[in-house]
Amino acid sequence: MQNDATIPAQLQALYDAAAAIGPRFGLSAEAVLDYCGLLLEIPPVCEYIDWSTPGNVLTFATTGGDSVHYSYLVDERLPADVCPIVMTLPCADAQSFVIAENFQEFFDYGYYVGWFSLEQLYYEEEKGAAYFRQASPNFSDIGTEQLPLLRKALNMKPVPPTLARFAELHDRYHALLDIPPPPED
């Protein structure tokens, strides 16, 4: 897949917010949200990890841990207001999951604690879901300074992610993902 797709408006809003927030912390737009769990890829890239990233997504961020990354599905069959967000976990058996129907839903998941721990929902569902319902005392100091700025810039609302929602999105969109074959041993 070529990266000639237009950047979705909500993703551009994230890039613009990061570019505005970065100088306050002496960091680039790509790195300023690291403590919130997003290392941005500007512009988004295709085939981030060729053996695990679906072929029809563009990766816009990584968490910086275990090669976990976030992408959006590019498919002309989707309505203009739908832009499914895919989380790829290269270290998991099933590697790619549709976790949000659009960027706003994805942004809202990170309202309290950012996005670094989203993958934990697949490993520890109960503990993971509770983590996203309130601010964490263990959250990085710099992240606590950045998130309020991001909340305002992206008009975020607290929407905790759940596996039930992920399952609903899986049923709706997973068949559209161009999943690469597993690597040979």
C-alpha atoms as a PDB file:
ATOM      1  CA  MET A   1       0.000   0.000   0.000  1.00  0.00           C
ATOM      2  CA  GLN A   2       1.310   3.428  -0.904  1.00  0.00           C
ATOM      3  CA  ASN A   3       1.145   6.211   1.674  1.00  0.00           C
ATOM      4  CA  ASP A   4      -0.632   8.686  -0.573  1.00  0.00           C
ATOM      5  CA  ALA A   5      -3.821   8.775   1.485  1.00  0.00           C
ATOM      6  CA  THR A   6      -5.032  12.092   2.828  1.00  0.00           C
ATOM      7  CA  ILE A   7      -4.403  12.451   6.555  1.00  0.00           C
ATOM      8  CA  PRO A   8      -7.771  12.289   8.353  1.00  0.00           C
ATOM      9  CA  ALA A   9      -8.801  15.594   9.944  1.00  0.00           C
ATOM     10  CA  GLN A  10      -8.859  14.140  13.477  1.00  0.00           C
ATOM     11  CA  LEU A  11      -5.355  12.742  13.059  1.00  0.00           C
ATOM     12  CA  GLN A  12      -4.188  16.113  11.742  1.00  0.00           C
ATOM     13  CA  ALA A  13      -5.708  17.664  14.884  1.00  0.00           C
ATOM     14  CA  LEU A  14      -3.557  15.289  16.986  1.00  0.00           C
ATOM     15  CA  TYR A  15      -0.450  16.202  14.987  1.00  0.00           C
ATOM     16  CA  ASP A  16      -1.254  19.922  15.338  1.00  0.00           C
ATOM     17  CA  ALA A  17      -1.835  19.580  19.091  1.00  0.00           C
ATOM     18  CA  ALA A  18       1.487  17.740  19.504  1.00  0.00           C
ATOM     19  CA  ALA A  19       3.267  20.429  17.486  1.00  0.00           C
ATOM     20  CA  ALA A  20       1.757  23.119  19.734  1.00  0.00           C
ATOM     21  CA  ILE A  21       2.463  21.253  23.004  1.00  0.00           C
ATOM     22  CA  GLY A  22       6.004  20.112  22.120  1.00  0.00           C
ATOM     23  CA  PRO A  23       7.803  23.450  22.538  1.00  0.00           C
ATOM     24  CA  ARG A  24       6.410  23.829  26.077  1.00  0.00           C
ATOM     25  CA  PHE A  25       8.420  20.736  27.034  1.00  0.00           C
ATOM     26  CA  GLY A  26      11.365  21.183  24.672  1.00  0.00           C
ATOM     27  CA  LEU A  27      10.284  18.116  22.688  1.00  0.00           C
ATOM     28  CA  SER A  28       9.388  17.397  19.075  1.00  0.00           C
ATOM     29  CA  ALA A  29       5.808  16.754  17.989  1.00  0.00           C
ATOM     30  CA  GLU A  30       6.759  13.094  17.470  1.00  0.00           C
ATOM     31  CA  ALA A  31       8.079  12.661  21.027  1.00  0.00           C
ATOM     32  CA  VAL A  32       6.074  15.034  23.235  1.00  0.00           C
ATOM     33  CA  LEU A  33       3.266  12.537  23.933  1.00  0.00           C
ATOM     34  CA  ASP A  34       5.622   9.667  24.778  1.00  0.00           C
ATOM     35  CA  TYR A  35       4.719   9.853  28.477  1.00  0.00           C
ATOM     36  CA  CYS A  36       1.062   9.569  27.455  1.00  0.00           C
ATOM     37  CA  GLY A  37       1.795   6.381  25.495  1.00  0.00           C
ATOM     38  CA  LEU A  38       1.990   7.835  21.976  1.00  0.00           C
ATOM     39  CA  LEU A  39       5.179   8.220  19.975  1.00  0.00           C
ATOM     40  CA  LEU A  40       3.817   9.773  16.807  1.00  0.00           C
ATOM     41  CA  GLU A  41       4.699   8.771  13.272  1.00  0.00           C
ATOM     42  CA  ILE A  42       4.462  11.991  11.235  1.00  0.00           C
ATOM     43  CA  PRO A  43       3.392  11.343   8.523  1.00  0.00           C
ATOM     44  CA  PRO A  44       1.755   7.960   9.090  1.00  0.00           C
ATOM     45  CA  VAL A  45       3.651   4.979   7.667  1.00  0.00           C
ATOM     46  CA  CYS A  46       2.551   1.821   5.875  1.00  0.00           C
ATOM     47  CA  GLU A  47       3.877  -1.641   6.703  1.00  0.00           C
ATOM     48  CA  TYR A  48       5.271  -0.514  10.068  1.00  0.00           C
ATOM     49  CA  ILE A  49       6.230  -4.117  10.848  1.00  0.00           C
ATOM     50  CA  ASP A  50       5.678  -6.058   7.658  1.00  0.00           C
ATOM     51  CA  TRP A  51       5.025  -9.444   9.284  1.00  0.00           C
ATOM     52  CA  SER A  52       2.419  -8.181  11.785  1.00  0.00           C
ATOM     53  CA  THR A  53       0.912  -4.893  10.592  1.00  0.00           C
ATOM     54  CA  PRO A  54      -2.110  -5.304   8.290  1.00  0.00           C
ATOM     55  CA  GLY A  55      -1.344  -4.265   4.728  1.00  0.00           C
ATOM     56  CA  ASN A  56      -4.208  -1.778   4.464  1.00  0.00           C
ATOM     57  CA  VAL A  57      -3.518   0.413   7.479  1.00  0.00           C
ATOM     58  CA  LEU A  58      -1.329   3.429   8.120  1.00  0.00           C
ATOM     59  CA  THR A  59       0.524   3.551  11.436  1.00  0.00           C
ATOM     60  CA  PHE A  60       0.297   6.893  13.235  1.00  0.00           C
ATOM     61  CA  ALA A  61       1.795   6.035  16.655  1.00  0.00           C
ATOM     62  CA  THR A  62       3.628   3.471  18.736  1.00  0.00           C
ATOM     63  CA  THR A  63       3.621   3.039  22.495  1.00  0.00           C
ATOM     64  CA  GLY A  64       7.360   2.537  22.685  1.00  0.00           C
ATOM     65  CA  GLY A  65       6.867  -0.884  24.300  1.00  0.00           C
ATOM     66  CA  ASP A  66       6.974  -4.340  22.681  1.00  0.00           C
ATOM     67  CA  SER A  67       6.517  -2.777  19.212  1.00  0.00           C
ATOM     68  CA  VAL A  68       2.826  -2.125  19.973  1.00  0.00           C
ATOM     69  CA  HIS A  69       1.476   0.361  17.450  1.00  0.00           C
ATOM     70  CA  TYR A  70      -1.718   2.128  16.421  1.00  0.00           C
ATOM     71  CA  SER A  71      -2.915   2.473  12.852  1.00  0.00           C
ATOM     72  CA  TYR A  72      -6.026   3.446  10.967  1.00  0.00           C
ATOM     73  CA  LEU A  73      -7.760   1.334   8.351  1.00  0.00           C
ATOM     74  CA  VAL A  74      -7.747   2.686   4.797  1.00  0.00           C
ATOM     75  CA  ASP A  75     -10.612   1.144   2.827  1.00  0.00           C
ATOM     76  CA  GLU A  76     -12.778   2.838   0.216  1.00  0.00           C
ATOM     77  CA  ARG A  77     -15.768   0.713   1.279  1.00  0.00           C
ATOM     78  CA  LEU A  78     -16.001   2.612   4.577  1.00  0.00           C
ATOM     79  CA  PRO A  79     -18.230   5.666   5.004  1.00  0.00           C
ATOM     80  CA  ALA A  80     -16.327   8.961   5.226  1.00  0.00           C
ATOM     81  CA  ASP A  81     -17.076   9.363   8.953  1.00  0.00           C
ATOM     82  CA  VAL A  82     -15.669   5.923   9.850  1.00  0.00           C
ATOM     83  CA  CYS A  83     -11.936   5.427  10.327  1.00  0.00           C
ATOM     84  CA  PRO A  84     -11.337   2.269  12.394  1.00  0.00           C
ATOM     85  CA  ILE A  85      -8.307   2.362  14.675  1.00  0.00           C
ATOM     86  CA  VAL A  86      -6.236  -0.816  14.854  1.00  0.00           C
ATOM     87  CA  MET A  87      -3.924  -1.822  17.699  1.00  0.00           C
ATOM     88  CA  THR A  88      -1.221  -4.275  16.637  1.00  0.00           C
ATOM     89  CA  LEU A  89       0.520  -6.376  19.284  1.00  0.00           C
ATOM     90  CA  PRO A  90       3.396  -8.132  17.494  1.00  0.00           C
ATOM     91  CA  CYS A  91       4.143 -10.237  20.599  1.00  0.00           C
ATOM     92  CA  ALA A  92       0.596 -11.674  20.870  1.00  0.00           C
ATOM     93  CA  ASP A  93      -0.839 -14.705  19.090  1.00  0.00           C
ATOM     94  CA  ALA A  94      -3.662 -12.705  17.506  1.00  0.00           C
ATOM     95  CA  GLN A  95      -1.887  -9.541  16.552  1.00  0.00           C
ATOM     96  CA  SER A  96      -4.270  -6.894  15.229  1.00  0.00           C
ATOM     97  CA  PHE A  97      -7.461  -5.663  16.864  1.00  0.00           C
ATOM     98  CA  VAL A  98      -9.900  -2.938  15.855  1.00  0.00           C
ATOM     99  CA  ILE A  99     -10.275  -0.930  19.064  1.00  0.00           C
ATOM    100  CA  ALA A 100     -12.089   2.258  18.026  1.00  0.00           C
ATOM    101  CA  GLU A 101     -14.436   3.268  15.232  1.00  0.00           C
ATOM    102  CA  ASN A 102     -12.754   6.638  14.764  1.00  0.00           C
ATOM    103  CA  PHE A 103     -10.009   8.838  16.130  1.00  0.00           C
ATOM    104  CA  GLN A 104     -12.272  10.610  18.636  1.00  0.00           C
ATOM    105  CA  GLU A 105     -13.187   7.324  20.322  1.00  0.00           C
ATOM    106  CA  PHE A 106      -9.489   6.409  20.412  1.00  0.00           C
ATOM    107  CA  PHE A 107      -8.572   9.808  21.885  1.00  0.00           C
ATOM    108  CA  ASP A 108     -11.299   9.488  24.526  1.00  0.00           C
ATOM    109  CA  TYR A 109      -9.874   6.157  25.749  1.00  0.00           C
ATOM    110  CA  GLY A 110      -6.742   8.008  26.879  1.00  0.00           C
ATOM    111  CA  TYR A 111      -8.583  10.711  28.839  1.00  0.00           C
ATOM    112  CA  TYR A 112      -7.272   9.732  32.291  1.00  0.00           C
ATOM    113  CA  VAL A 113      -4.045   7.802  31.733  1.00  0.00           C
ATOM    114  CA  GLY A 114      -3.088   7.969  28.070  1.00  0.00           C
ATOM    115  CA  TRP A 115      -2.727   4.985  25.748  1.00  0.00           C
ATOM    116  CA  PHE A 116       0.356   3.043  26.830  1.00  0.00           C
ATOM    117  CA  SER A 117      -1.600   0.384  28.717  1.00  0.00           C
ATOM    118  CA  LEU A 118      -4.415  -0.278  26.227  1.00  0.00           C
ATOM    119  CA  GLU A 119      -2.865  -3.620  25.371  1.00  0.00           C
ATOM    120  CA  GLN A 120      -3.286  -4.718  29.001  1.00  0.00           C
ATOM    121  CA  LEU A 121      -7.013  -5.162  28.379  1.00  0.00           C
ATOM    122  CA  TYR A 122      -6.110  -8.293  26.415  1.00  0.00           C
ATOM    123  CA  TYR A 123      -3.868  -9.651  29.142  1.00  0.00           C
ATOM    124  CA  GLU A 124      -5.728  -8.609  32.326  1.00  0.00           C
ATOM    125  CA  GLU A 125      -9.248  -7.568  31.324  1.00  0.00           C
ATOM    126  CA  GLU A 126     -10.654  -6.639  34.738  1.00  0.00           C
ATOM    127  CA  LYS A 127      -7.559  -4.871  36.010  1.00  0.00           C
ATOM    128  CA  GLY A 128      -6.979  -3.184  32.650  1.00  0.00           C
ATOM    129  CA  ALA A 129     -10.530  -1.816  32.328  1.00  0.00           C
ATOM    130  CA  ALA A 130     -10.423  -0.354  35.853  1.00  0.00           C
ATOM    131  CA  TYR A 131      -7.138   1.387  35.062  1.00  0.00           C
ATOM    132  CA  PHE A 132      -8.798   3.562  32.398  1.00  0.00           C
ATOM    133  CA  ARG A 133     -11.649   4.794  34.637  1.00  0.00           C
ATOM    134  CA  GLN A 134      -9.659   7.262  36.776  1.00  0.00           C
ATOM    135  CA  ALA A 135      -6.393   9.135  36.958  1.00  0.00           C
ATOM    136  CA  SER A 136      -3.486   6.979  38.076  1.00  0.00           C
ATOM    137  CA  PRO A 137      -1.178   8.033  40.930  1.00  0.00           C
ATOM    138  CA  ASN A 138       1.618   6.223  39.064  1.00  0.00           C
ATOM    139  CA  PHE A 139       1.184   8.247  35.877  1.00  0.00           C
ATOM    140  CA  SER A 140       4.323  10.140  34.852  1.00  0.00           C
ATOM    141  CA  ASP A 141       4.525  13.768  36.037  1.00  0.00           C
ATOM    142  CA  ILE A 142       5.190  15.068  32.544  1.00  0.00           C
ATOM    143  CA  GLY A 143       2.233  13.054  31.223  1.00  0.00           C
ATOM    144  CA  THR A 144      -0.039  14.688  33.785  1.00  0.00           C
ATOM    145  CA  GLU A 145       1.009  18.064  32.366  1.00  0.00           C
ATOM    146  CA  GLN A 146       0.478  17.048  28.751  1.00  0.00           C
ATOM    147  CA  LEU A 147      -2.853  15.254  29.017  1.00  0.00           C
ATOM    148  CA  PRO A 148      -4.889  18.315  30.107  1.00  0.00           C
ATOM    149  CA  LEU A 149      -3.515  20.221  27.118  1.00  0.00           C
ATOM    150  CA  LEU A 150      -4.386  17.333  24.825  1.00  0.00           C
ATOM    151  CA  ARG A 151      -7.868  16.942  26.353  1.00  0.00           C
ATOM    152  CA  LYS A 152      -8.640  20.548  25.517  1.00  0.00           C
ATOM    153  CA  ALA A 153      -7.114  20.477  22.024  1.00  0.00           C
ATOM    154  CA  LEU A 154      -8.919  17.258  21.039  1.00  0.00           C
ATOM    155  CA  ASN A 155     -12.176  17.853  22.948  1.00  0.00           C
ATOM    156  CA  MET A 156     -11.672  14.564  24.784  1.00  0.00           C
ATOM    157  CA  LYS A 157     -14.281  12.990  27.051  1.00  0.00           C
ATOM    158  CA  PRO A 158     -13.710  10.058  29.443  1.00  0.00           C
ATOM    159  CA  VAL A 159     -14.736   6.878  27.605  1.00  0.00           C
ATOM    160  CA  PRO A 160     -13.123   3.794  29.152  1.00  0.00           C
ATOM    161  CA  PRO A 161     -12.236   1.066  26.654  1.00  0.00           C
ATOM    162  CA  THR A 162     -13.802  -2.363  27.141  1.00  0.00           C
ATOM    163  CA  LEU A 163     -13.330  -5.771  25.590  1.00  0.00           C
ATOM    164  CA  ALA A 164     -17.067  -5.814  24.832  1.00  0.00           C
ATOM    165  CA  ARG A 165     -16.625  -2.730  22.659  1.00  0.00           C
ATOM    166  CA  PHE A 166     -13.543  -4.241  21.032  1.00  0.00           C
ATOM    167  CA  ALA A 167     -15.543  -7.419  20.248  1.00  0.00           C
ATOM    168  CA  GLU A 168     -18.316  -5.347  18.658  1.00  0.00           C
ATOM    169  CA  LEU A 169     -15.769  -3.544  16.480  1.00  0.00           C
ATOM    170  CA  HIS A 170     -14.048  -6.831  15.645  1.00  0.00           C
ATOM    171  CA  ASP A 171     -17.322  -8.234  14.330  1.00  0.00           C
ATOM    172  CA  ARG A 172     -17.911  -5.118  12.259  1.00  0.00           C
ATOM    173  CA  TYR A 173     -14.451  -4.436  10.792  1.00  0.00           C
ATOM    174  CA  HIS A 174     -11.939  -7.247  11.312  1.00  0.00           C
ATOM    175  CA  ALA A 175     -12.796  -8.942   7.999  1.00  0.00           C
ATOM    176  CA  LEU A 176     -11.643  -5.768   6.199  1.00  0.00           C
ATOM    177  CA  LEU A 177      -8.087  -6.029   7.597  1.00  0.00           C
ATOM    178  CA  ASP A 178      -5.429  -7.358   5.234  1.00  0.00           C
ATOM    179  CA  ILE A 179      -3.635  -9.506   7.827  1.00  0.00           C
ATOM    180  CA  PRO A 180      -0.183 -10.707   6.711  1.00  0.00           C
ATOM    181  CA  PRO A 181       0.565 -14.430   6.878  1.00  0.00           C
ATOM    182  CA  PRO A 182       2.489 -15.512   9.967  1.00  0.00           C
ATOM    183  CA  PRO A 183       6.263 -15.555   9.545  1.00  0.00           C
ATOM    184  CA  GLU A 184       7.852 -18.908   8.878  1.00  0.00           C
ATOM    185  CA  ASP A 185       9.992 -20.292  11.684  1.00  0.00           C
END
